[in-house]
Every structure is written in structure tokens, then in C-alpha cells.
Amino acid sequence: YGKLLLNLNNALNALSGVPLRTMLSQKAFRLCSYHTIKEARNVLRRAKIQEKSLKLPIWMVLLFLRMPQWAFPVFMNTVYKIDPKAKLSMLQDLERKRKTEIQHLCGEIVKIGKE
């Protein structure tokens, strides 16, 4: 479920319409991502589902998302490099007028929350 938590960011990136790095460079978008992941994580915890860590543990992702604006460029240029043109798959789907996986990603959290 760790990957699912990270992939919830796809919908926000698709709505932003900009590359991931551009989106993450804006504190407001990072906070939206933070709250989305945190809420979904709470749903998983209430359902007693443990997320599996990826290369970067979810708690560290949440810390990064709340990072002060002045620290972001330093972090992105030294620790977590993202291609300035990189777009997440859901944004690419919207641009190509293809069906997105939003129902699959967000729907899974809703389903768990209802159980």
C-alpha cells in the first residue's frame, strides 16, 4: 500500500496540468499532497493495513511535503532529483484524452474506508 499512497499524488498532478517538479515547487500543492496521503494513511491504519515502505518511507515523504519553501530547491537539487519535464501518468492520460486510473487509486481508499 506504500505505492498506492504515493500514487494518490497522480490525481493532484493531473489537475495541476504541469510537470511534477513544477507542481512540487509550490507549497500549496505539496500541502494538498501531504493531506491526501495522510488521510489515506489514516484510513489504512484504522483498517489495520500496514503500508510497505518503498525506497523512501512514507513518513519521510510526508516530511518532505511539509518542507519550508526555502528548503525545497536545495532538497530537489541534491537529494531527490526529478526531471523538470517529468509528468505523472495520469496527467499524460488526460493530455492524450485517455481514461485515467483515478477510480482505481482513490476508489481503493474509499472501499477500505467503507469496510
C-alpha atoms as a PDB file:
ATOM      1  CA  TYR A   1       0.000   0.000   0.000  1.00  0.00           C
ATOM      2  CA  GLY A   2       3.032   2.303   0.148  1.00  0.00           C
ATOM      3  CA  LYS A   3       2.990   2.686  -3.630  1.00  0.00           C
ATOM      4  CA  LEU A   4      -0.755   3.377  -3.572  1.00  0.00           C
ATOM      5  CA  LEU A   5      -0.212   6.195  -1.077  1.00  0.00           C
ATOM      6  CA  LEU A   6       2.422   7.772  -3.307  1.00  0.00           C
ATOM      7  CA  ASN A   7       0.315   7.295  -6.428  1.00  0.00           C
ATOM      8  CA  LEU A   8      -2.531   9.317  -4.904  1.00  0.00           C
ATOM      9  CA  ASN A   9      -0.349  12.243  -5.929  1.00  0.00           C
ATOM     10  CA  ASN A  10      -1.098  11.372  -9.576  1.00  0.00           C
ATOM     11  CA  ALA A  11      -4.578  12.895  -9.440  1.00  0.00           C
ATOM     12  CA  LEU A  12      -3.274  16.153  -8.000  1.00  0.00           C
ATOM     13  CA  ASN A  13      -0.550  16.305 -10.651  1.00  0.00           C
ATOM     14  CA  ALA A  14      -3.130  15.673 -13.377  1.00  0.00           C
ATOM     15  CA  LEU A  15      -5.304  18.504 -12.069  1.00  0.00           C
ATOM     16  CA  SER A  16      -2.327  20.864 -11.862  1.00  0.00           C
ATOM     17  CA  GLY A  17      -1.545  20.331 -15.545  1.00  0.00           C
ATOM     18  CA  VAL A  18       2.164  20.926 -15.006  1.00  0.00           C
ATOM     19  CA  PRO A  19       5.256  18.701 -14.701  1.00  0.00           C
ATOM     20  CA  LEU A  20       5.778  17.064 -11.302  1.00  0.00           C
ATOM     21  CA  ARG A  21       8.783  19.177 -10.306  1.00  0.00           C
ATOM     22  CA  THR A  22       6.877  22.389 -11.106  1.00  0.00           C
ATOM     23  CA  MET A  23       3.936  21.184  -9.039  1.00  0.00           C
ATOM     24  CA  LEU A  24       6.093  20.174  -6.079  1.00  0.00           C
ATOM     25  CA  SER A  25       7.927  23.500  -6.161  1.00  0.00           C
ATOM     26  CA  GLN A  26       4.698  25.141  -4.991  1.00  0.00           C
ATOM     27  CA  LYS A  27       3.989  24.849  -1.281  1.00  0.00           C
ATOM     28  CA  ALA A  28       0.197  24.783  -1.773  1.00  0.00           C
ATOM     29  CA  PHE A  29       0.403  21.699  -3.994  1.00  0.00           C
ATOM     30  CA  ARG A  30       2.800  19.988  -1.583  1.00  0.00           C
ATOM     31  CA  LEU A  31       0.365  20.590   1.275  1.00  0.00           C
ATOM     32  CA  CYS A  32      -2.535  19.178  -0.781  1.00  0.00           C
ATOM     33  CA  SER A  33      -0.418  16.087  -1.440  1.00  0.00           C
ATOM     34  CA  TYR A  34       0.512  15.876   2.232  1.00  0.00           C
ATOM     35  CA  HIS A  35      -3.121  15.945   3.369  1.00  0.00           C
ATOM     36  CA  THR A  36      -4.221  13.446   0.707  1.00  0.00           C
ATOM     37  CA  ILE A  37      -1.552  10.926   1.679  1.00  0.00           C
ATOM     38  CA  LYS A  38      -2.041  11.495   5.415  1.00  0.00           C
ATOM     39  CA  GLU A  39      -5.810  10.985   5.199  1.00  0.00           C
ATOM     40  CA  ALA A  40      -5.397   7.804   3.140  1.00  0.00           C
ATOM     41  CA  ARG A  41      -2.746   6.577   5.570  1.00  0.00           C
ATOM     42  CA  ASN A  42      -5.180   7.111   8.449  1.00  0.00           C
ATOM     43  CA  VAL A  43      -7.808   5.064   6.589  1.00  0.00           C
ATOM     44  CA  LEU A  44      -5.280   2.234   6.151  1.00  0.00           C
ATOM     45  CA  ARG A  45      -4.259   2.375   9.809  1.00  0.00           C
ATOM     46  CA  ARG A  46      -7.872   2.229  11.006  1.00  0.00           C
ATOM     47  CA  ALA A  47      -8.313  -0.830   8.800  1.00  0.00           C
ATOM     48  CA  LYS A  48      -5.137  -2.265  10.363  1.00  0.00           C
ATOM     49  CA  ILE A  49      -3.376  -2.313   6.994  1.00  0.00           C
ATOM     50  CA  GLN A  50       0.330  -1.620   7.103  1.00  0.00           C
ATOM     51  CA  GLU A  51       1.840   0.146   4.136  1.00  0.00           C
ATOM     52  CA  LYS A  52       5.035  -1.323   2.761  1.00  0.00           C
ATOM     53  CA  SER A  53       7.944   1.047   2.576  1.00  0.00           C
ATOM     54  CA  LEU A  54       9.432   1.923  -0.735  1.00  0.00           C
ATOM     55  CA  LYS A  55      12.878   3.434  -1.252  1.00  0.00           C
ATOM     56  CA  LEU A  56      11.656   6.417   0.712  1.00  0.00           C
ATOM     57  CA  PRO A  57       9.421   5.627   3.716  1.00  0.00           C
ATOM     58  CA  ILE A  58       6.025   7.342   3.734  1.00  0.00           C
ATOM     59  CA  TRP A  59       6.848   9.277   6.921  1.00  0.00           C
ATOM     60  CA  MET A  60       9.820  10.781   5.076  1.00  0.00           C
ATOM     61  CA  VAL A  61       7.640  11.671   2.068  1.00  0.00           C
ATOM     62  CA  LEU A  62       5.232  13.444   4.427  1.00  0.00           C
ATOM     63  CA  LEU A  63       8.145  15.331   5.989  1.00  0.00           C
ATOM     64  CA  PHE A  64       9.359  16.389   2.545  1.00  0.00           C
ATOM     65  CA  LEU A  65       5.912  17.611   1.543  1.00  0.00           C
ATOM     66  CA  ARG A  66       5.776  19.896   4.593  1.00  0.00           C
ATOM     67  CA  MET A  67       9.254  21.257   3.942  1.00  0.00           C
ATOM     68  CA  PRO A  68       9.567  25.055   4.088  1.00  0.00           C
ATOM     69  CA  GLN A  69       9.535  26.758   0.719  1.00  0.00           C
ATOM     70  CA  TRP A  70      13.134  27.989   1.018  1.00  0.00           C
ATOM     71  CA  ALA A  71      14.434  24.430   1.553  1.00  0.00           C
ATOM     72  CA  PHE A  72      12.723  22.863  -1.447  1.00  0.00           C
ATOM     73  CA  PRO A  73      15.258  23.808  -4.166  1.00  0.00           C
ATOM     74  CA  VAL A  74      18.156  22.572  -2.052  1.00  0.00           C
ATOM     75  CA  PHE A  75      16.422  19.261  -1.387  1.00  0.00           C
ATOM     76  CA  MET A  76      15.334  18.773  -5.007  1.00  0.00           C
ATOM     77  CA  ASN A  77      18.765  19.578  -6.400  1.00  0.00           C
ATOM     78  CA  THR A  78      20.740  17.372  -4.038  1.00  0.00           C
ATOM     79  CA  VAL A  79      18.623  14.595  -2.570  1.00  0.00           C
ATOM     80  CA  TYR A  80      15.578  13.906  -4.718  1.00  0.00           C
ATOM     81  CA  LYS A  81      16.233  14.826  -8.318  1.00  0.00           C
ATOM     82  CA  ILE A  82      13.227  14.945 -10.656  1.00  0.00           C
ATOM     83  CA  ASP A  83      13.473  15.699 -14.340  1.00  0.00           C
ATOM     84  CA  PRO A  84      11.955  19.183 -14.837  1.00  0.00           C
ATOM     85  CA  LYS A  85       9.832  17.846 -17.718  1.00  0.00           C
ATOM     86  CA  ALA A  86       8.589  14.662 -15.968  1.00  0.00           C
ATOM     87  CA  LYS A  87       4.813  14.262 -15.887  1.00  0.00           C
ATOM     88  CA  LEU A  88       2.988  11.557 -13.993  1.00  0.00           C
ATOM     89  CA  SER A  89       0.992   9.010 -15.964  1.00  0.00           C
ATOM     90  CA  MET A  90      -2.432  10.399 -15.085  1.00  0.00           C
ATOM     91  CA  LEU A  91      -1.554  13.834 -16.458  1.00  0.00           C
ATOM     92  CA  GLN A  92      -0.246  12.168 -19.615  1.00  0.00           C
ATOM     93  CA  ASP A  93      -3.522  10.222 -19.877  1.00  0.00           C
ATOM     94  CA  LEU A  94      -5.551  13.429 -19.614  1.00  0.00           C
ATOM     95  CA  GLU A  95      -3.388  15.142 -22.220  1.00  0.00           C
ATOM     96  CA  ARG A  96      -3.938  12.195 -24.576  1.00  0.00           C
ATOM     97  CA  LYS A  97      -7.656  12.088 -23.741  1.00  0.00           C
ATOM     98  CA  ARG A  98      -7.375   8.558 -22.362  1.00  0.00           C
ATOM     99  CA  LYS A  99      -9.194   7.096 -19.398  1.00  0.00           C
ATOM    100  CA  THR A 100      -7.327   7.658 -16.125  1.00  0.00           C
ATOM    101  CA  GLU A 101      -6.789   5.320 -13.197  1.00  0.00           C
ATOM    102  CA  ILE A 102      -8.238   7.748 -10.652  1.00  0.00           C
ATOM    103  CA  GLN A 103     -11.122   5.425  -9.789  1.00  0.00           C
ATOM    104  CA  HIS A 104      -8.716   2.568  -9.203  1.00  0.00           C
ATOM    105  CA  LEU A 105      -6.372   4.600  -6.969  1.00  0.00           C
ATOM    106  CA  CYS A 106      -8.790   6.731  -4.976  1.00  0.00           C
ATOM    107  CA  GLY A 107     -11.533   4.133  -5.167  1.00  0.00           C
ATOM    108  CA  GLU A 108      -9.361   1.644  -3.286  1.00  0.00           C
ATOM    109  CA  ILE A 109      -9.006   4.024  -0.337  1.00  0.00           C
ATOM    110  CA  VAL A 110     -12.751   4.736  -0.358  1.00  0.00           C
ATOM    111  CA  LYS A 111     -13.501   0.992  -0.439  1.00  0.00           C
ATOM    112  CA  ILE A 112     -11.194   0.336   2.528  1.00  0.00           C
ATOM    113  CA  GLY A 113     -12.747   3.246   4.406  1.00  0.00           C
ATOM    114  CA  LYS A 114     -16.234   1.830   3.963  1.00  0.00           C
ATOM    115  CA  GLU A 115     -15.306  -1.658   5.209  1.00  0.00           C
END
